[in-house]
């Protein structure tokens, strides 16, 4: 299954008030492993960035002045995410902005018509009810190093969210955090594994083991309701 962990930064809070996307960051996962592919772009929003937003992400109007407009990057961005399952923290926010941007163009595209969407915030709230479940809180809970995250940044946050999401939904992760590595490239101390590394050996369950697992999951579903395993199987 191809998944895209995605984050955006914007000029403000509400696209209905004319606010726009100014940064997109995406990290590709294939079968719950990073592929080394990512998509990252800064965008000229054709309007002012609110002062409050700048205090969150540090992206200024001057910095964005010579960046491409959304209409100039829309096709390559759409091609990168098309057909994938998008993993987004507080998905309604980012999807709302993406749909607003696509609605300005022809043909009009609605994200949910071309991509699945998984809200990692909803998963976290279900798994940790009554607790803080923002990205910083989840990093602390799962031992993910976000010490370089002084300001929000779409690509950095997507990389961190990919780590958190894999731990949140089962613990299998192919990301490596190394705050002191020279290979981090200034991206929050995150080191990508080489794409040409030797693949891991896959040990498949026997028929007897698979049958025992299905019985256990059925029992778990009766006791706890819907499980992450069920959602992964159905693609919901």
Protein backbone atom coordinates (compact mmCIF):
# COMPACT_ATOMS: atom_id res chain seq x y z
CA UNK A 1 0.00 0.00 0.00
CA UNK A 2 1.31 3.44 -0.96
CA UNK A 3 0.87 6.13 1.68
CA UNK A 4 1.82 9.79 1.62
CA UNK A 5 2.40 11.50 4.97
CA UNK A 6 1.46 15.12 4.28
CA UNK A 7 1.56 18.50 5.99
CA UNK A 8 0.93 22.07 4.87
CA UNK A 9 1.64 25.56 6.16
CA UNK A 10 -0.76 28.38 5.37
CA UNK A 11 -1.29 32.14 5.47
CA UNK A 12 -3.98 31.78 8.14
CA UNK A 13 -6.60 29.50 9.63
CA UNK A 14 -9.62 29.48 7.30
CA UNK A 15 -9.59 28.96 3.52
CA UNK A 16 -13.14 30.34 3.42
CA UNK A 17 -11.62 33.71 4.35
CA UNK A 18 -9.24 33.55 1.40
CA UNK A 19 -6.26 32.04 3.18
CA UNK A 20 -3.88 30.01 1.04
CA UNK A 21 -1.26 27.25 1.23
CA UNK A 22 2.35 28.48 1.34
CA UNK A 23 4.24 25.19 1.91
CA UNK A 24 3.59 21.52 1.19
CA UNK A 25 5.69 18.65 2.55
CA UNK A 26 5.12 14.97 1.70
CA UNK A 27 6.94 11.75 2.60
CA UNK A 28 6.22 8.51 0.73
CA UNK A 29 5.70 5.19 2.51
CA UNK A 30 5.35 1.89 0.70
CA UNK A 31 4.17 -1.08 2.74
CA UNK A 32 4.97 0.93 5.90
CA UNK A 33 8.55 1.67 4.89
CA UNK A 34 10.03 4.93 3.66
CA UNK A 35 11.01 4.89 -0.01
CA UNK A 36 13.29 7.94 0.07
CA UNK A 37 10.87 9.86 -2.17
CA UNK A 38 9.40 13.11 -0.93
CA UNK A 39 7.70 16.20 -2.31
CA UNK A 40 8.39 19.67 -0.96
CA UNK A 41 7.57 23.13 -2.27
CA UNK A 42 7.11 26.70 -1.07
CA UNK A 43 4.26 28.62 -2.73
CA UNK A 44 3.54 32.28 -3.39
CA UNK A 45 0.03 32.65 -1.96
CA UNK A 46 -0.76 35.86 -3.88
CA UNK A 47 -1.79 37.51 -0.60
CA UNK A 48 -0.27 38.56 2.72
CA UNK A 49 0.67 36.01 5.36
CA UNK A 50 -0.92 36.88 8.71
CA UNK A 51 1.48 37.96 11.45
CA UNK A 52 0.17 35.27 13.81
CA UNK A 53 0.85 32.59 11.21
CA UNK A 54 4.41 33.82 10.74
CA UNK A 55 5.05 33.35 14.47
CA UNK A 56 4.06 29.69 14.03
CA UNK A 57 6.02 28.74 10.90
CA UNK A 58 8.43 31.66 10.37
CA UNK A 59 7.69 31.90 6.63
CA UNK A 60 7.62 35.57 5.63
CA UNK A 61 6.00 37.42 2.74
CA UNK A 62 9.46 38.46 1.50
CA UNK A 63 10.63 34.83 1.37
CA UNK A 64 7.58 33.78 -0.66
CA UNK A 65 7.70 36.64 -3.17
CA UNK A 66 9.67 34.72 -5.84
CA UNK A 67 8.14 31.28 -5.21
CA UNK A 68 5.80 29.58 -7.73
CA UNK A 69 2.04 30.01 -7.50
CA UNK A 70 -0.15 27.02 -6.65
CA UNK A 71 -1.41 26.90 -10.23
CA UNK A 72 2.18 26.33 -11.38
CA UNK A 73 2.79 23.31 -9.12
CA UNK A 74 -0.74 21.88 -8.95
CA UNK A 75 -0.26 19.16 -11.58
CA UNK A 76 3.03 17.81 -10.20
CA UNK A 77 1.63 17.85 -6.66
CA UNK A 78 -1.55 16.09 -7.76
CA UNK A 79 0.45 13.46 -9.67
CA UNK A 80 2.53 12.76 -6.55
CA UNK A 81 -0.46 12.14 -4.27
CA UNK A 82 -2.96 10.62 -6.74
CA UNK A 83 -4.07 7.11 -5.78
CA UNK A 84 -2.25 7.14 -2.43
CA UNK A 85 -3.61 7.04 1.10
CA UNK A 86 -2.84 10.40 2.71
CA UNK A 87 -1.79 10.38 6.37
CA UNK A 88 -2.45 13.81 7.88
CA UNK A 89 -2.60 15.08 11.46
CA UNK A 90 -5.94 16.91 11.77
CA UNK A 91 -6.76 16.00 8.19
CA UNK A 92 -9.82 18.25 7.84
CA UNK A 93 -7.59 21.33 8.07
CA UNK A 94 -5.13 20.36 5.30
CA UNK A 95 -7.74 18.74 3.05
CA UNK A 96 -9.90 21.86 3.35
CA UNK A 97 -7.02 24.01 2.12
CA UNK A 98 -6.08 21.57 -0.65
CA UNK A 99 -9.65 21.40 -1.95
CA UNK A 100 -9.89 25.19 -1.82
CA UNK A 101 -6.72 25.50 -3.91
CA UNK A 102 -7.83 22.87 -6.44
CA UNK A 103 -11.25 24.57 -6.70
CA UNK A 104 -9.56 27.64 -8.17
CA UNK A 105 -8.29 25.61 -11.13
CA UNK A 106 -9.70 23.68 -14.07
CA UNK A 107 -10.49 20.86 -13.93
CA UNK A 108 -11.72 21.13 -10.33
CA UNK A 109 -10.34 18.27 -8.23
CA UNK A 110 -11.59 17.09 -4.86
CA UNK A 111 -8.89 15.30 -2.88
CA UNK A 112 -11.12 12.53 -1.51
CA UNK A 113 -12.12 11.54 -5.07
CA UNK A 114 -8.53 10.54 -5.85
CA UNK A 115 -6.94 9.68 -2.48
CA UNK A 116 -7.79 7.86 0.72
CA UNK A 117 -7.40 9.93 3.87
CA UNK A 118 -6.25 8.78 7.33
CA UNK A 119 -6.41 11.27 10.19
CA UNK A 120 -3.61 10.42 12.61
CA UNK A 121 -5.10 12.83 15.16
CA UNK A 122 -8.34 10.82 15.23
CA UNK A 123 -6.34 7.62 15.71
CA UNK A 124 -4.34 9.19 18.53
CA UNK A 125 -7.47 10.49 20.28
CA UNK A 126 -9.04 7.04 20.14
CA UNK A 127 -5.90 5.37 21.43
CA UNK A 128 -5.12 8.02 24.08
CA UNK A 129 -8.48 9.52 25.13
CA UNK A 130 -8.36 12.53 27.42
CA UNK A 131 -4.68 13.23 26.70
CA UNK A 132 -2.89 15.80 24.57
CA UNK A 133 -2.48 14.41 21.08
CA UNK A 134 -0.80 17.18 19.14
CA UNK A 135 2.40 16.26 17.30
CA UNK A 136 4.72 17.49 20.07
CA UNK A 137 2.83 15.50 22.71
CA UNK A 138 2.94 12.35 20.57
CA UNK A 139 6.67 12.79 19.97
CA UNK A 140 7.21 12.90 23.73
CA UNK A 141 4.93 9.90 24.30
CA UNK A 142 6.62 7.73 21.66
CA UNK A 143 10.19 8.90 22.18
CA UNK A 144 10.54 10.68 18.82
CA UNK A 145 13.20 13.40 18.86
CA UNK A 146 11.67 16.73 17.79
CA UNK A 147 14.19 18.96 19.56
CA UNK A 148 14.93 20.83 16.32
CA UNK A 149 11.26 21.72 15.79
CA UNK A 150 11.41 25.32 17.02
CA UNK A 151 8.97 26.37 14.27
CA UNK A 152 6.47 24.40 12.22
CA UNK A 153 7.65 23.35 8.77
CA UNK A 154 5.69 21.16 6.33
CA UNK A 155 8.46 18.77 5.30
CA UNK A 156 9.96 18.49 8.79
CA UNK A 157 6.53 17.90 10.31
CA UNK A 158 5.70 15.29 7.64
CA UNK A 159 8.93 13.43 8.40
CA UNK A 160 8.25 13.51 12.14
CA UNK A 161 4.61 12.51 11.63
CA UNK A 162 5.70 9.53 9.53
CA UNK A 163 7.78 8.31 12.47
CA UNK A 164 4.97 8.92 14.94
CA UNK A 165 2.30 7.35 12.71
CA UNK A 166 4.23 4.09 12.28
CA UNK A 167 4.73 3.84 16.04
CA UNK A 168 1.14 4.84 16.74
CA UNK A 169 -0.27 2.16 14.45
CA UNK A 170 1.92 -0.79 15.26
CA UNK A 171 5.52 0.12 16.04
CA UNK A 172 7.10 -0.90 12.73
CA UNK A 173 9.28 1.91 11.46
CA UNK A 174 11.99 2.31 8.85
CA UNK A 175 12.85 5.88 9.80
CA UNK A 176 15.96 6.73 11.79
CA UNK A 177 16.38 9.85 13.94
CA UNK A 178 19.91 11.06 14.52
CA UNK A 179 20.08 14.61 15.84
CA UNK A 180 23.85 14.72 15.50
CA UNK A 181 24.18 13.29 12.00
CA UNK A 182 25.73 15.39 9.24
CA UNK A 183 23.43 13.57 6.84
CA UNK A 184 20.40 15.24 8.36
CA UNK A 185 20.72 18.07 5.88
CA UNK A 186 19.13 20.57 8.21
CA UNK A 187 15.79 18.74 8.18
CA UNK A 188 15.24 18.50 11.89
CA UNK A 189 17.94 15.88 12.54
CA UNK A 190 16.19 13.19 10.49
CA UNK A 191 18.41 10.84 8.51
CA UNK A 192 16.90 8.98 5.58
CA UNK A 193 17.91 5.36 5.06
CA UNK A 194 19.56 4.71 1.67
CA UNK A 195 17.09 3.67 -1.03
CA UNK A 196 19.45 0.93 -2.29
CA UNK A 197 19.79 -0.80 1.09
CA UNK A 198 19.30 -4.57 1.18
CA UNK A 199 15.59 -5.31 1.68
CA UNK A 200 14.48 -6.93 4.91
CA UNK A 201 13.67 -10.62 4.88
CA UNK A 202 9.91 -11.19 4.93
CA UNK A 203 8.82 -14.17 7.04
CA UNK A 204 5.19 -15.00 6.28
CA UNK A 205 2.85 -16.68 8.73
CA UNK A 206 1.83 -20.29 8.17
CA UNK A 207 -1.83 -21.13 7.53
CA UNK A 208 -2.14 -22.32 11.12
CA UNK A 209 -0.60 -19.11 12.48
CA UNK A 210 -2.79 -16.96 10.22
CA UNK A 211 -5.91 -18.79 11.38
CA UNK A 212 -4.96 -18.34 15.04
CA UNK A 213 -4.33 -14.65 14.41
CA UNK A 214 -7.75 -14.15 12.79
CA UNK A 215 -9.46 -15.82 15.75
CA UNK A 216 -7.58 -13.62 18.20
CA UNK A 217 -8.44 -10.45 16.24
CA UNK A 218 -12.12 -11.44 16.13
CA UNK A 219 -12.06 -11.87 19.93
CA UNK A 220 -10.29 -8.51 20.33
CA UNK A 221 -12.86 -6.79 18.10
CA UNK A 222 -15.69 -8.11 20.28
CA UNK A 223 -14.02 -6.74 23.41
CA UNK A 224 -12.63 -3.43 22.12
CA UNK A 225 -14.63 -2.64 18.97
CA UNK A 226 -12.94 -1.40 15.79
CA UNK A 227 -9.15 -1.92 15.75
CA UNK A 228 -6.32 -0.34 13.77
CA UNK A 229 -5.72 -3.77 12.20
CA UNK A 230 -9.30 -3.80 10.84
CA UNK A 231 -8.89 -0.34 9.33
CA UNK A 232 -5.60 -1.31 7.68
CA UNK A 233 -7.21 -4.42 6.18
CA UNK A 234 -10.18 -2.54 4.76
CA UNK A 235 -8.22 0.56 3.77
CA UNK A 236 -10.55 2.81 5.75
